[in-house]
C-alpha atoms as a PDB file:
ATOM      1  CA  UNK A   1      14.880  -0.468   5.181  1.00  0.00           C
ATOM      2  CA  UNK A   2      12.607   2.558   4.925  1.00  0.00           C
ATOM      3  CA  UNK A   3       9.180   2.342   3.304  1.00  0.00           C
ATOM      4  CA  UNK A   4       6.629   5.035   2.456  1.00  0.00           C
ATOM      5  CA  UNK A   5       2.978   4.002   2.116  1.00  0.00           C
ATOM      6  CA  UNK A   6       0.253   5.506  -0.036  1.00  0.00           C
ATOM      7  CA  UNK A   7      -3.406   5.438   0.966  1.00  0.00           C
ATOM      8  CA  UNK A   8      -4.602   2.576  -1.260  1.00  0.00           C
ATOM      9  CA  UNK A   9      -2.158   0.042   0.151  1.00  0.00           C
ATOM     10  CA  UNK A  10      -3.005   1.020   3.732  1.00  0.00           C
ATOM     11  CA  UNK A  11      -6.712   0.594   2.989  1.00  0.00           C
ATOM     12  CA  UNK A  12      -6.166  -2.771   1.273  1.00  0.00           C
ATOM     13  CA  UNK A  13      -4.112  -4.056   4.208  1.00  0.00           C
ATOM     14  CA  UNK A  14      -6.486  -2.568   6.785  1.00  0.00           C
ATOM     15  CA  UNK A  15      -9.550  -4.223   5.303  1.00  0.00           C
ATOM     16  CA  UNK A  16      -7.903  -7.635   5.720  1.00  0.00           C
ATOM     17  CA  UNK A  17      -6.436  -6.715   9.155  1.00  0.00           C
ATOM     18  CA  UNK A  18      -2.838  -7.086   7.902  1.00  0.00           C
ATOM     19  CA  UNK A  19      -1.333  -3.629   8.497  1.00  0.00           C
ATOM     20  CA  UNK A  20       1.294  -5.150  10.791  1.00  0.00           C
ATOM     21  CA  UNK A  21       2.932  -6.799   7.768  1.00  0.00           C
ATOM     22  CA  UNK A  22       4.522  -3.444   6.920  1.00  0.00           C
ATOM     23  CA  UNK A  23       6.166  -3.243  10.357  1.00  0.00           C
ATOM     24  CA  UNK A  24       7.362  -6.856  10.110  1.00  0.00           C
ATOM     25  CA  UNK A  25       8.915  -6.436   6.649  1.00  0.00           C
ATOM     26  CA  UNK A  26      10.516  -2.999   7.034  1.00  0.00           C
ATOM     27  CA  UNK A  27      12.561  -1.175   9.675  1.00  0.00           C
ATOM     28  CA  UNK A  28      10.953   2.257   9.267  1.00  0.00           C
ATOM     29  CA  UNK A  29       7.505   3.113   7.911  1.00  0.00           C
ATOM     30  CA  UNK A  30       6.117   6.588   7.138  1.00  0.00           C
ATOM     31  CA  UNK A  31       3.138   8.248   5.520  1.00  0.00           C
ATOM     32  CA  UNK A  32       2.941  11.842   4.307  1.00  0.00           C
ATOM     33  CA  UNK A  33       0.363  14.286   5.685  1.00  0.00           C
ATOM     34  CA  UNK A  34      -1.746  14.067   2.496  1.00  0.00           C
ATOM     35  CA  UNK A  35      -2.132  10.290   2.933  1.00  0.00           C
ATOM     36  CA  UNK A  36      -3.218  10.868   6.527  1.00  0.00           C
ATOM     37  CA  UNK A  37      -5.839  13.383   5.342  1.00  0.00           C
ATOM     38  CA  UNK A  38      -7.193  10.822   2.831  1.00  0.00           C
ATOM     39  CA  UNK A  39      -7.299   8.092   5.483  1.00  0.00           C
ATOM     40  CA  UNK A  40      -9.169  10.302   7.961  1.00  0.00           C
ATOM     41  CA  UNK A  41     -11.967  10.705   5.401  1.00  0.00           C
ATOM     42  CA  UNK A  42     -12.099   7.024   4.427  1.00  0.00           C
ATOM     43  CA  UNK A  43     -15.080   5.115   5.759  1.00  0.00           C
ATOM     44  CA  UNK A  44     -15.690   1.395   5.357  1.00  0.00           C
ATOM     45  CA  UNK A  45     -17.027  -0.893   8.092  1.00  0.00           C
ATOM     46  CA  UNK A  46     -14.335  -3.445   7.146  1.00  0.00           C
ATOM     47  CA  UNK A  47     -11.552  -0.915   7.831  1.00  0.00           C
ATOM     48  CA  UNK A  48     -10.825  -0.765  11.586  1.00  0.00           C
ATOM     49  CA  UNK A  49     -10.912   2.775  12.972  1.00  0.00           C
ATOM     50  CA  UNK A  50      -8.125   1.778  15.388  1.00  0.00           C
ATOM     51  CA  UNK A  51      -5.772   1.520  12.393  1.00  0.00           C
ATOM     52  CA  UNK A  52      -6.149   5.248  11.861  1.00  0.00           C
ATOM     53  CA  UNK A  53      -4.910   5.836  15.409  1.00  0.00           C
ATOM     54  CA  UNK A  54      -1.985   3.461  14.861  1.00  0.00           C
ATOM     55  CA  UNK A  55      -1.056   5.149  11.569  1.00  0.00           C
ATOM     56  CA  UNK A  56      -1.048   8.658  13.051  1.00  0.00           C
ATOM     57  CA  UNK A  57       2.367   8.096  14.646  1.00  0.00           C
ATOM     58  CA  UNK A  58       3.901   7.418  11.205  1.00  0.00           C
ATOM     59  CA  UNK A  59       3.058  10.829   9.665  1.00  0.00           C
ATOM     60  CA  UNK A  60       5.888  12.974   8.304  1.00  0.00           C
ATOM     61  CA  UNK A  61       5.558  16.338   6.586  1.00  0.00           C
ATOM     62  CA  UNK A  62       7.259  16.756   3.236  1.00  0.00           C
ATOM     63  CA  UNK A  63       9.827  19.562   3.158  1.00  0.00           C
ATOM     64  CA  UNK A  64       9.765  20.245  -0.590  1.00  0.00           C
ATOM     65  CA  UNK A  65       7.134  22.005  -2.636  1.00  0.00           C
ATOM     66  CA  UNK A  66       4.771  19.489  -4.230  1.00  0.00           C
ATOM     67  CA  UNK A  67       5.609  19.741  -7.927  1.00  0.00           C
ATOM     68  CA  UNK A  68       3.988  16.371  -8.712  1.00  0.00           C
ATOM     69  CA  UNK A  69       0.391  17.171  -7.757  1.00  0.00           C
ATOM     70  CA  UNK A  70      -0.463  17.950 -11.391  1.00  0.00           C
ATOM     71  CA  UNK A  71       0.615  14.427 -12.408  1.00  0.00           C
ATOM     72  CA  UNK A  72      -1.014  12.335  -9.665  1.00  0.00           C
ATOM     73  CA  UNK A  73      -3.313  12.800  -6.692  1.00  0.00           C
ATOM     74  CA  UNK A  74      -2.131  14.598  -3.589  1.00  0.00           C
ATOM     75  CA  UNK A  75      -1.482  11.523  -1.445  1.00  0.00           C
ATOM     76  CA  UNK A  76       0.446   9.770  -4.187  1.00  0.00           C
ATOM     77  CA  UNK A  77       2.485  12.852  -5.062  1.00  0.00           C
ATOM     78  CA  UNK A  78       3.430  13.530  -1.425  1.00  0.00           C
ATOM     79  CA  UNK A  79       4.327   9.840  -1.045  1.00  0.00           C
ATOM     80  CA  UNK A  80       6.769  10.066  -3.955  1.00  0.00           C
ATOM     81  CA  UNK A  81       8.280  13.281  -2.567  1.00  0.00           C
ATOM     82  CA  UNK A  82       8.662  11.794   0.921  1.00  0.00           C
ATOM     83  CA  UNK A  83      10.286   8.704  -0.641  1.00  0.00           C
ATOM     84  CA  UNK A  84      12.808  10.976  -2.367  1.00  0.00           C
ATOM     85  CA  UNK A  85      13.427  13.164   0.692  1.00  0.00           C
ATOM     86  CA  UNK A  86      14.116  10.186   2.964  1.00  0.00           C
ATOM     87  CA  UNK A  87      15.970   8.226   0.296  1.00  0.00           C
ATOM     88  CA  UNK A  88      13.555   5.398   1.104  1.00  0.00           C
ATOM     89  CA  UNK A  89      13.916   1.855  -0.177  1.00  0.00           C
ATOM     90  CA  UNK A  90      10.316   1.317  -1.292  1.00  0.00           C
ATOM     91  CA  UNK A  91       7.054   3.081  -1.994  1.00  0.00           C
ATOM     92  CA  UNK A  92       3.907   1.065  -1.330  1.00  0.00           C
ATOM     93  CA  UNK A  93       1.469   2.150  -4.029  1.00  0.00           C
ATOM     94  CA  UNK A  94      -1.322   0.490  -6.010  1.00  0.00           C
ATOM     95  CA  UNK A  95      -2.644   3.055  -8.476  1.00  0.00           C
ATOM     96  CA  UNK A  96      -1.248   1.939 -11.813  1.00  0.00           C
ATOM     97  CA  UNK A  97      -0.902   5.380 -13.405  1.00  0.00           C
ATOM     98  CA  UNK A  98       0.792   6.873 -10.348  1.00  0.00           C
ATOM     99  CA  UNK A  99       2.997   3.805  -9.976  1.00  0.00           C
ATOM    100  CA  UNK A 100       4.248   4.099 -13.562  1.00  0.00           C
ATOM    101  CA  UNK A 101       4.926   7.792 -13.003  1.00  0.00           C
ATOM    102  CA  UNK A 102       6.811   7.056  -9.760  1.00  0.00           C
ATOM    103  CA  UNK A 103       8.848   4.291 -11.409  1.00  0.00           C
ATOM    104  CA  UNK A 104       9.775   6.678 -14.223  1.00  0.00           C
ATOM    105  CA  UNK A 105      11.274   8.897 -11.491  1.00  0.00           C
ATOM    106  CA  UNK A 106      13.403   6.000 -10.211  1.00  0.00           C
ATOM    107  CA  UNK A 107      11.130   5.040  -7.317  1.00  0.00           C
ATOM    108  CA  UNK A 108      11.109   1.365  -6.179  1.00  0.00           C
ATOM    109  CA  UNK A 109       7.421   0.456  -5.975  1.00  0.00           C
ATOM    110  CA  UNK A 110       5.580  -2.452  -4.410  1.00  0.00           C
ATOM    111  CA  UNK A 111       1.800  -2.853  -4.519  1.00  0.00           C
ATOM    112  CA  UNK A 112      -0.518  -4.499  -2.020  1.00  0.00           C
ATOM    113  CA  UNK A 113      -0.437  -7.841  -3.840  1.00  0.00           C
ATOM    114  CA  UNK A 114       3.368  -7.789  -4.102  1.00  0.00           C
ATOM    115  CA  UNK A 115       3.633  -7.001  -0.420  1.00  0.00           C
ATOM    116  CA  UNK A 116       1.429  -9.979   0.444  1.00  0.00           C
ATOM    117  CA  UNK A 117       3.481 -12.276  -1.813  1.00  0.00           C
ATOM    118  CA  UNK A 118       6.603 -11.169   0.076  1.00  0.00           C
ATOM    119  CA  UNK A 119       4.830 -11.739   3.403  1.00  0.00           C
ATOM    120  CA  UNK A 120       3.802 -15.238   2.319  1.00  0.00           C
ATOM    121  CA  UNK A 121       7.362 -16.051   1.204  1.00  0.00           C
ATOM    122  CA  UNK A 122       8.610 -14.990   4.650  1.00  0.00           C
ATOM    123  CA  UNK A 123       5.964 -17.072   6.439  1.00  0.00           C
ATOM    124  CA  UNK A 124       4.034 -14.084   7.814  1.00  0.00           C
ATOM    125  CA  UNK A 125       0.796 -15.218   6.149  1.00  0.00           C
ATOM    126  CA  UNK A 126      -0.291 -18.626   4.915  1.00  0.00           C
ATOM    127  CA  UNK A 127      -3.129 -17.931   2.506  1.00  0.00           C
ATOM    128  CA  UNK A 128      -3.559 -15.251  -0.161  1.00  0.00           C
ATOM    129  CA  UNK A 129      -6.812 -16.536  -1.625  1.00  0.00           C
ATOM    130  CA  UNK A 130      -8.945 -15.610   1.408  1.00  0.00           C
ATOM    131  CA  UNK A 131      -7.400 -12.127   1.437  1.00  0.00           C
ATOM    132  CA  UNK A 132      -8.088 -11.627  -2.270  1.00  0.00           C
ATOM    133  CA  UNK A 133     -11.727 -12.668  -1.775  1.00  0.00           C
ATOM    134  CA  UNK A 134     -12.142 -10.067   0.980  1.00  0.00           C
ATOM    135  CA  UNK A 135     -10.637  -7.440  -1.355  1.00  0.00           C
ATOM    136  CA  UNK A 136     -13.165  -8.309  -4.036  1.00  0.00           C
ATOM    137  CA  UNK A 137     -16.065  -7.932  -1.582  1.00  0.00           C
ATOM    138  CA  UNK A 138     -14.759  -4.559  -0.396  1.00  0.00           C
ATOM    139  CA  UNK A 139     -14.219  -2.807  -3.723  1.00  0.00           C
ATOM    140  CA  UNK A 140     -10.433  -3.089  -3.843  1.00  0.00           C
ATOM    141  CA  UNK A 141      -9.891  -2.981  -7.572  1.00  0.00           C
ATOM    142  CA  UNK A 142      -7.425  -5.685  -8.540  1.00  0.00           C
ATOM    143  CA  UNK A 143      -8.100  -7.636 -11.719  1.00  0.00           C
ATOM    144  CA  UNK A 144      -9.303 -11.175 -11.174  1.00  0.00           C
ATOM    145  CA  UNK A 145      -6.798 -12.267 -13.814  1.00  0.00           C
ATOM    146  CA  UNK A 146      -3.877 -10.761 -11.838  1.00  0.00           C
ATOM    147  CA  UNK A 147      -5.075 -12.240  -8.555  1.00  0.00           C
ATOM    148  CA  UNK A 148      -5.481 -15.689 -10.130  1.00  0.00           C
ATOM    149  CA  UNK A 149      -1.993 -15.476 -11.695  1.00  0.00           C
ATOM    150  CA  UNK A 150      -0.576 -14.751  -8.232  1.00  0.00           C
ATOM    151  CA  UNK A 151      -2.558 -17.610  -6.703  1.00  0.00           C
ATOM    152  CA  UNK A 152      -1.316 -19.972  -9.392  1.00  0.00           C
ATOM    153  CA  UNK A 153       2.327 -18.948  -8.835  1.00  0.00           C
ATOM    154  CA  UNK A 154       1.976 -19.390  -5.075  1.00  0.00           C
ATOM    155  CA  UNK A 155       0.290 -22.797  -5.318  1.00  0.00           C
ATOM    156  CA  UNK A 156      -3.212 -21.715  -4.337  1.00  0.00           C
ATOM    157  CA  UNK A 157      -6.567 -22.387  -5.996  1.00  0.00           C
ATOM    158  CA  UNK A 158      -7.952 -19.644  -8.239  1.00  0.00           C
ATOM    159  CA  UNK A 159     -10.869 -17.398  -7.333  1.00  0.00           C
ATOM    160  CA  UNK A 160     -14.114 -18.419  -9.037  1.00  0.00           C
END
């Protein structure tokens, strides 16, 4: 299975040191050049700089003209285009507006939380609650209500 990742998901996974989940769940993993450019500029002490080096080998250039950049940001739009060009199985994307737009174009989307649920179901991680707490401390914008619904469904205690 081929997966394309947008910036937000890579940041969310990087902050909790779980980038390897992508490699364990999917056969092939790519990011477009625009996502790489966004990641190079991202600075947060919780995000390991070594992840940027590891992600560099996954960059692919889109071949098409970016007709979607008026509808969503550059990283998101190139991610959707790369998904289409490679006939990928999934797009990892968190931004709600961009995700709805991508889904309206027939793109199979999974967000950071959905990816972690899948990883927990496959035994790759044991605890979502600690990850969600780190996200909250590092300005990853997931609603507390959503996170607590996920925790409830996966048999974990809610976040206070």
